[in-house]
Amino acid sequence: MRGNLLSREDCARAVRGVRVIYHLAAGRSDMFADAFMNSVVTTRNLLRAIWEYGCLKRFVNVSSFSVYSNRNKAHRRVLDESCPIETEPAERSDPYMFGKTRQDEI
């Protein structure tokens, strides 16, 4: 199906009868508001539709490497899943990372 996750109606149509969702959608923009809307609001709409229809068994949200903080890492140090999540995403001037970090908080 084609749809827009900003549309609650499209989200409702997308989840009907679905048992597993792999959610990889995220917004790419130079604007923080757009990145938030197209990562956080869309995920919230999708989760709300899932909650309302109640047929889902598993929801897998795919995050991004960009959510990990490298603030206190030495140059050329390995950055992996053991690193902390960025705590101040708005300060990093990266709308994509901001949106994905906030999306993960949902």
N, C-alpha and C. Protein backbone atom coordinates (compact mmCIF):
# COMPACT_ATOMS: atom_id res chain seq x y z
N MET A 1 0.83 -1.18 0.00
CA MET A 1 0.00 0.00 0.00
C MET A 1 0.88 1.24 0.00
N ARG A 2 0.35 2.30 -0.53
CA ARG A 2 1.01 3.60 -0.48
C ARG A 2 0.29 4.43 0.57
N GLY A 3 1.05 5.20 1.28
CA GLY A 3 0.44 6.04 2.29
C GLY A 3 1.45 7.00 2.87
N ASN A 4 0.98 7.75 3.83
CA ASN A 4 1.80 8.75 4.49
C ASN A 4 1.63 8.56 5.99
N LEU A 5 2.71 8.32 6.70
CA LEU A 5 2.62 8.08 8.13
C LEU A 5 2.22 9.33 8.92
N LEU A 6 2.18 10.47 8.27
CA LEU A 6 1.63 11.66 8.92
C LEU A 6 0.11 11.61 8.96
N SER A 7 -0.47 10.75 8.14
CA SER A 7 -1.92 10.59 8.09
C SER A 7 -2.35 9.47 9.03
N ARG A 8 -3.15 9.80 10.03
CA ARG A 8 -3.64 8.77 10.95
C ARG A 8 -4.49 7.73 10.22
N GLU A 9 -5.23 8.16 9.22
CA GLU A 9 -6.05 7.22 8.46
C GLU A 9 -5.17 6.23 7.69
N ASP A 10 -4.11 6.72 7.09
CA ASP A 10 -3.19 5.82 6.38
C ASP A 10 -2.53 4.85 7.34
N CYS A 11 -2.18 5.32 8.52
CA CYS A 11 -1.58 4.43 9.52
C CYS A 11 -2.57 3.34 9.92
N ALA A 12 -3.82 3.72 10.11
CA ALA A 12 -4.84 2.73 10.48
C ALA A 12 -5.00 1.69 9.38
N ARG A 13 -5.02 2.11 8.14
CA ARG A 13 -5.12 1.15 7.03
C ARG A 13 -3.90 0.25 6.96
N ALA A 14 -2.74 0.80 7.26
CA ALA A 14 -1.49 0.05 7.14
C ALA A 14 -1.37 -1.06 8.18
N VAL A 15 -1.95 -0.89 9.35
CA VAL A 15 -1.75 -1.87 10.42
C VAL A 15 -2.85 -2.93 10.50
N ARG A 16 -3.93 -2.74 9.81
CA ARG A 16 -5.02 -3.72 9.89
C ARG A 16 -4.56 -5.09 9.44
N GLY A 17 -4.73 -6.06 10.32
CA GLY A 17 -4.39 -7.44 9.99
C GLY A 17 -2.91 -7.76 10.00
N VAL A 18 -2.08 -6.81 10.40
CA VAL A 18 -0.63 -7.00 10.38
C VAL A 18 -0.18 -7.57 11.73
N ARG A 19 0.74 -8.52 11.70
CA ARG A 19 1.24 -9.14 12.93
C ARG A 19 2.64 -8.63 13.31
N VAL A 20 3.44 -8.23 12.33
CA VAL A 20 4.80 -7.76 12.59
C VAL A 20 5.07 -6.52 11.74
N ILE A 21 5.67 -5.51 12.35
CA ILE A 21 6.07 -4.31 11.61
C ILE A 21 7.55 -4.06 11.85
N TYR A 22 8.28 -3.86 10.77
CA TYR A 22 9.67 -3.40 10.81
C TYR A 22 9.63 -1.94 10.38
N HIS A 23 9.86 -1.06 11.31
CA HIS A 23 9.72 0.38 11.06
C HIS A 23 11.09 1.01 10.82
N LEU A 24 11.35 1.37 9.57
CA LEU A 24 12.62 1.98 9.19
C LEU A 24 12.46 3.42 8.73
N ALA A 25 11.25 3.92 8.71
CA ALA A 25 11.00 5.26 8.18
C ALA A 25 11.59 6.33 9.09
N ALA A 26 12.14 7.36 8.47
CA ALA A 26 12.68 8.51 9.20
C ALA A 26 12.74 9.69 8.26
N GLY A 27 12.67 10.87 8.84
CA GLY A 27 12.73 12.07 8.02
C GLY A 27 14.15 12.55 7.80
N ARG A 28 14.42 13.04 6.62
CA ARG A 28 15.71 13.66 6.28
C ARG A 28 15.40 15.11 5.92
N SER A 29 15.98 16.00 6.66
CA SER A 29 15.74 17.42 6.41
C SER A 29 16.85 18.24 7.06
N ASP A 30 17.00 19.46 6.60
CA ASP A 30 17.93 20.39 7.23
C ASP A 30 17.26 21.16 8.36
N MET A 31 15.96 20.93 8.53
CA MET A 31 15.18 21.65 9.53
C MET A 31 14.82 20.70 10.68
N PHE A 32 15.05 21.14 11.91
CA PHE A 32 14.74 20.31 13.07
C PHE A 32 13.26 19.97 13.15
N ALA A 33 12.40 20.94 12.86
CA ALA A 33 10.96 20.70 12.94
C ALA A 33 10.52 19.63 11.94
N ASP A 34 11.05 19.67 10.73
CA ASP A 34 10.71 18.65 9.73
C ASP A 34 11.23 17.28 10.13
N ALA A 35 12.45 17.22 10.64
CA ALA A 35 13.01 15.94 11.08
C ALA A 35 12.19 15.36 12.23
N PHE A 36 11.75 16.21 13.14
CA PHE A 36 10.91 15.76 14.25
C PHE A 36 9.58 15.24 13.73
N MET A 37 8.95 16.01 12.87
CA MET A 37 7.65 15.62 12.33
C MET A 37 7.74 14.30 11.57
N ASN A 38 8.78 14.14 10.77
CA ASN A 38 8.87 12.96 9.91
C ASN A 38 9.56 11.76 10.54
N SER A 39 9.97 11.89 11.79
CA SER A 39 10.50 10.74 12.52
C SER A 39 9.65 10.46 13.76
N VAL A 40 9.41 11.47 14.56
CA VAL A 40 8.71 11.29 15.83
C VAL A 40 7.20 11.23 15.64
N VAL A 41 6.63 12.22 14.97
CA VAL A 41 5.18 12.25 14.79
C VAL A 41 4.71 11.05 13.98
N THR A 42 5.44 10.70 12.95
CA THR A 42 5.04 9.55 12.13
C THR A 42 5.09 8.26 12.94
N THR A 43 6.10 8.09 13.76
CA THR A 43 6.20 6.89 14.60
C THR A 43 5.07 6.87 15.62
N ARG A 44 4.79 8.00 16.22
CA ARG A 44 3.69 8.08 17.18
C ARG A 44 2.36 7.74 16.52
N ASN A 45 2.12 8.24 15.31
CA ASN A 45 0.89 7.91 14.60
C ASN A 45 0.79 6.41 14.33
N LEU A 46 1.89 5.81 13.92
CA LEU A 46 1.90 4.38 13.64
C LEU A 46 1.64 3.58 14.92
N LEU A 47 2.29 3.93 16.01
CA LEU A 47 2.09 3.22 17.27
C LEU A 47 0.67 3.40 17.80
N ARG A 48 0.10 4.58 17.61
CA ARG A 48 -1.28 4.82 18.03
C ARG A 48 -2.24 3.91 17.25
N ALA A 49 -2.02 3.79 15.96
CA ALA A 49 -2.87 2.91 15.14
C ALA A 49 -2.71 1.45 15.57
N ILE A 50 -1.49 1.04 15.87
CA ILE A 50 -1.25 -0.32 16.34
C ILE A 50 -2.01 -0.57 17.64
N TRP A 51 -1.94 0.38 18.55
CA TRP A 51 -2.62 0.26 19.83
C TRP A 51 -4.13 0.15 19.63
N GLU A 52 -4.68 0.94 18.74
CA GLU A 52 -6.12 0.93 18.51
C GLU A 52 -6.62 -0.38 17.91
N TYR A 53 -5.83 -1.00 17.03
CA TYR A 53 -6.27 -2.23 16.37
C TYR A 53 -5.85 -3.48 17.12
N GLY A 54 -4.81 -3.40 17.93
CA GLY A 54 -4.43 -4.46 18.84
C GLY A 54 -4.11 -5.83 18.26
N CYS A 55 -3.75 -5.93 17.00
CA CYS A 55 -3.49 -7.25 16.42
C CYS A 55 -2.00 -7.53 16.24
N LEU A 56 -1.16 -6.57 16.55
CA LEU A 56 0.27 -6.71 16.30
C LEU A 56 0.94 -7.58 17.36
N LYS A 57 1.83 -8.45 16.92
CA LYS A 57 2.61 -9.29 17.84
C LYS A 57 3.99 -8.70 18.11
N ARG A 58 4.55 -8.02 17.11
CA ARG A 58 5.91 -7.49 17.28
C ARG A 58 6.09 -6.21 16.47
N PHE A 59 6.75 -5.22 17.11
CA PHE A 59 7.10 -3.96 16.47
C PHE A 59 8.60 -3.78 16.61
N VAL A 60 9.30 -3.68 15.49
CA VAL A 60 10.75 -3.50 15.49
C VAL A 60 11.06 -2.12 14.92
N ASN A 61 11.55 -1.25 15.78
CA ASN A 61 11.94 0.08 15.34
C ASN A 61 13.44 0.07 15.03
N VAL A 62 13.80 0.40 13.81
CA VAL A 62 15.20 0.41 13.42
C VAL A 62 15.75 1.81 13.67
N SER A 63 16.74 1.88 14.50
CA SER A 63 17.33 3.16 14.87
C SER A 63 18.43 3.53 13.89
N SER A 64 19.40 4.29 14.36
CA SER A 64 20.49 4.75 13.51
C SER A 64 21.77 4.86 14.33
N PHE A 65 22.87 4.64 13.68
CA PHE A 65 24.17 4.81 14.30
C PHE A 65 24.35 6.24 14.80
N SER A 66 23.64 7.16 14.20
CA SER A 66 23.81 8.57 14.54
C SER A 66 23.35 8.92 15.95
N VAL A 67 22.60 8.04 16.61
CA VAL A 67 22.09 8.36 17.95
C VAL A 67 23.13 8.19 19.05
N TYR A 68 24.25 7.56 18.73
CA TYR A 68 25.29 7.34 19.75
C TYR A 68 26.17 8.57 19.90
N SER A 69 26.50 8.87 21.14
CA SER A 69 27.31 10.04 21.43
C SER A 69 28.80 9.74 21.28
N ASN A 70 29.51 10.68 20.70
CA ASN A 70 30.96 10.56 20.62
C ASN A 70 31.65 11.75 21.28
N ARG A 71 30.94 12.44 22.13
CA ARG A 71 31.47 13.65 22.77
C ARG A 71 32.75 13.41 23.57
N ASN A 72 32.81 12.34 24.30
CA ASN A 72 33.96 12.09 25.17
C ASN A 72 34.87 11.00 24.63
N LYS A 73 34.76 10.74 23.36
CA LYS A 73 35.59 9.70 22.73
C LYS A 73 36.81 10.35 22.10
N ALA A 74 37.94 9.70 22.28
CA ALA A 74 39.17 10.17 21.63
C ALA A 74 39.05 9.99 20.12
N HIS A 75 39.76 10.80 19.39
CA HIS A 75 39.77 10.71 17.93
C HIS A 75 40.16 9.30 17.50
N ARG A 76 39.43 8.75 16.55
CA ARG A 76 39.65 7.42 15.98
C ARG A 76 39.32 6.27 16.93
N ARG A 77 38.62 6.56 18.01
CA ARG A 77 38.16 5.49 18.89
C ARG A 77 36.94 4.84 18.28
N VAL A 78 36.72 3.60 18.63
CA VAL A 78 35.58 2.85 18.10
C VAL A 78 34.30 3.38 18.74
N LEU A 79 33.31 3.59 17.91
CA LEU A 79 31.99 4.00 18.36
C LEU A 79 31.05 2.85 18.03
N ASP A 80 30.45 2.24 19.06
CA ASP A 80 29.58 1.09 18.83
C ASP A 80 28.39 1.13 19.78
N GLU A 81 27.63 0.03 19.84
CA GLU A 81 26.41 -0.03 20.64
C GLU A 81 26.64 0.11 22.13
N SER A 82 27.87 -0.06 22.59
CA SER A 82 28.15 0.10 24.02
C SER A 82 28.30 1.58 24.40
N CYS A 83 28.39 2.45 23.42
CA CYS A 83 28.51 3.89 23.67
C CYS A 83 27.16 4.44 24.13
N PRO A 84 27.18 5.51 24.91
CA PRO A 84 25.92 6.09 25.37
C PRO A 84 25.15 6.76 24.23
N ILE A 85 23.85 6.82 24.42
CA ILE A 85 22.99 7.54 23.48
C ILE A 85 23.19 9.04 23.72
N GLU A 86 23.14 9.80 22.66
CA GLU A 86 23.30 11.26 22.75
C GLU A 86 22.23 11.83 23.69
N THR A 87 22.66 12.61 24.67
CA THR A 87 21.72 13.18 25.64
C THR A 87 21.25 14.59 25.29
N GLU A 88 21.96 15.26 24.42
CA GLU A 88 21.61 16.62 24.01
C GLU A 88 21.58 16.72 22.48
N PRO A 89 20.65 16.01 21.83
CA PRO A 89 20.67 15.98 20.36
C PRO A 89 20.48 17.33 19.69
N ALA A 90 19.76 18.25 20.32
CA ALA A 90 19.53 19.56 19.70
C ALA A 90 20.82 20.37 19.61
N GLU A 91 21.77 20.10 20.48
CA GLU A 91 23.03 20.84 20.49
C GLU A 91 23.98 20.39 19.39
N ARG A 92 23.71 19.28 18.76
CA ARG A 92 24.65 18.71 17.79
C ARG A 92 24.46 19.25 16.37
N SER A 93 23.47 20.05 16.14
CA SER A 93 23.21 20.66 14.82
C SER A 93 23.01 19.63 13.73
N ASP A 94 22.39 18.50 14.08
CA ASP A 94 22.11 17.44 13.11
C ASP A 94 20.64 17.06 13.23
N PRO A 95 19.78 17.62 12.37
CA PRO A 95 18.36 17.33 12.47
C PRO A 95 18.01 15.84 12.37
N TYR A 96 18.70 15.10 11.50
CA TYR A 96 18.42 13.67 11.37
C TYR A 96 18.68 12.95 12.70
N MET A 97 19.83 13.19 13.30
CA MET A 97 20.16 12.57 14.57
C MET A 97 19.17 12.99 15.66
N PHE A 98 18.79 14.25 15.65
CA PHE A 98 17.80 14.75 16.60
C PHE A 98 16.49 13.96 16.46
N GLY A 99 16.00 13.83 15.23
CA GLY A 99 14.75 13.11 14.99
C GLY A 99 14.83 11.65 15.39
N LYS A 100 15.93 10.98 15.03
CA LYS A 100 16.08 9.56 15.37
C LYS A 100 16.23 9.35 16.88
N THR A 101 16.95 10.24 17.56
CA THR A 101 17.10 10.13 19.00
C THR A 101 15.75 10.28 19.68
N ARG A 102 14.99 11.27 19.26
CA ARG A 102 13.66 11.49 19.84
C ARG A 102 12.70 10.34 19.47
N GLN A 103 12.84 9.80 18.28
CA GLN A 103 12.02 8.66 17.86
C GLN A 103 12.29 7.47 18.78
N ASP A 104 13.54 7.22 19.09
CA ASP A 104 13.90 6.10 19.96
C ASP A 104 13.32 6.25 21.36
N GLU A 105 13.09 7.48 21.79
CA GLU A 105 12.54 7.72 23.13
C GLU A 105 11.08 7.30 23.25
N ILE A 106 10.42 7.20 22.13
CA ILE A 106 9.02 6.77 22.16
C ILE A 106 8.98 5.33 22.58
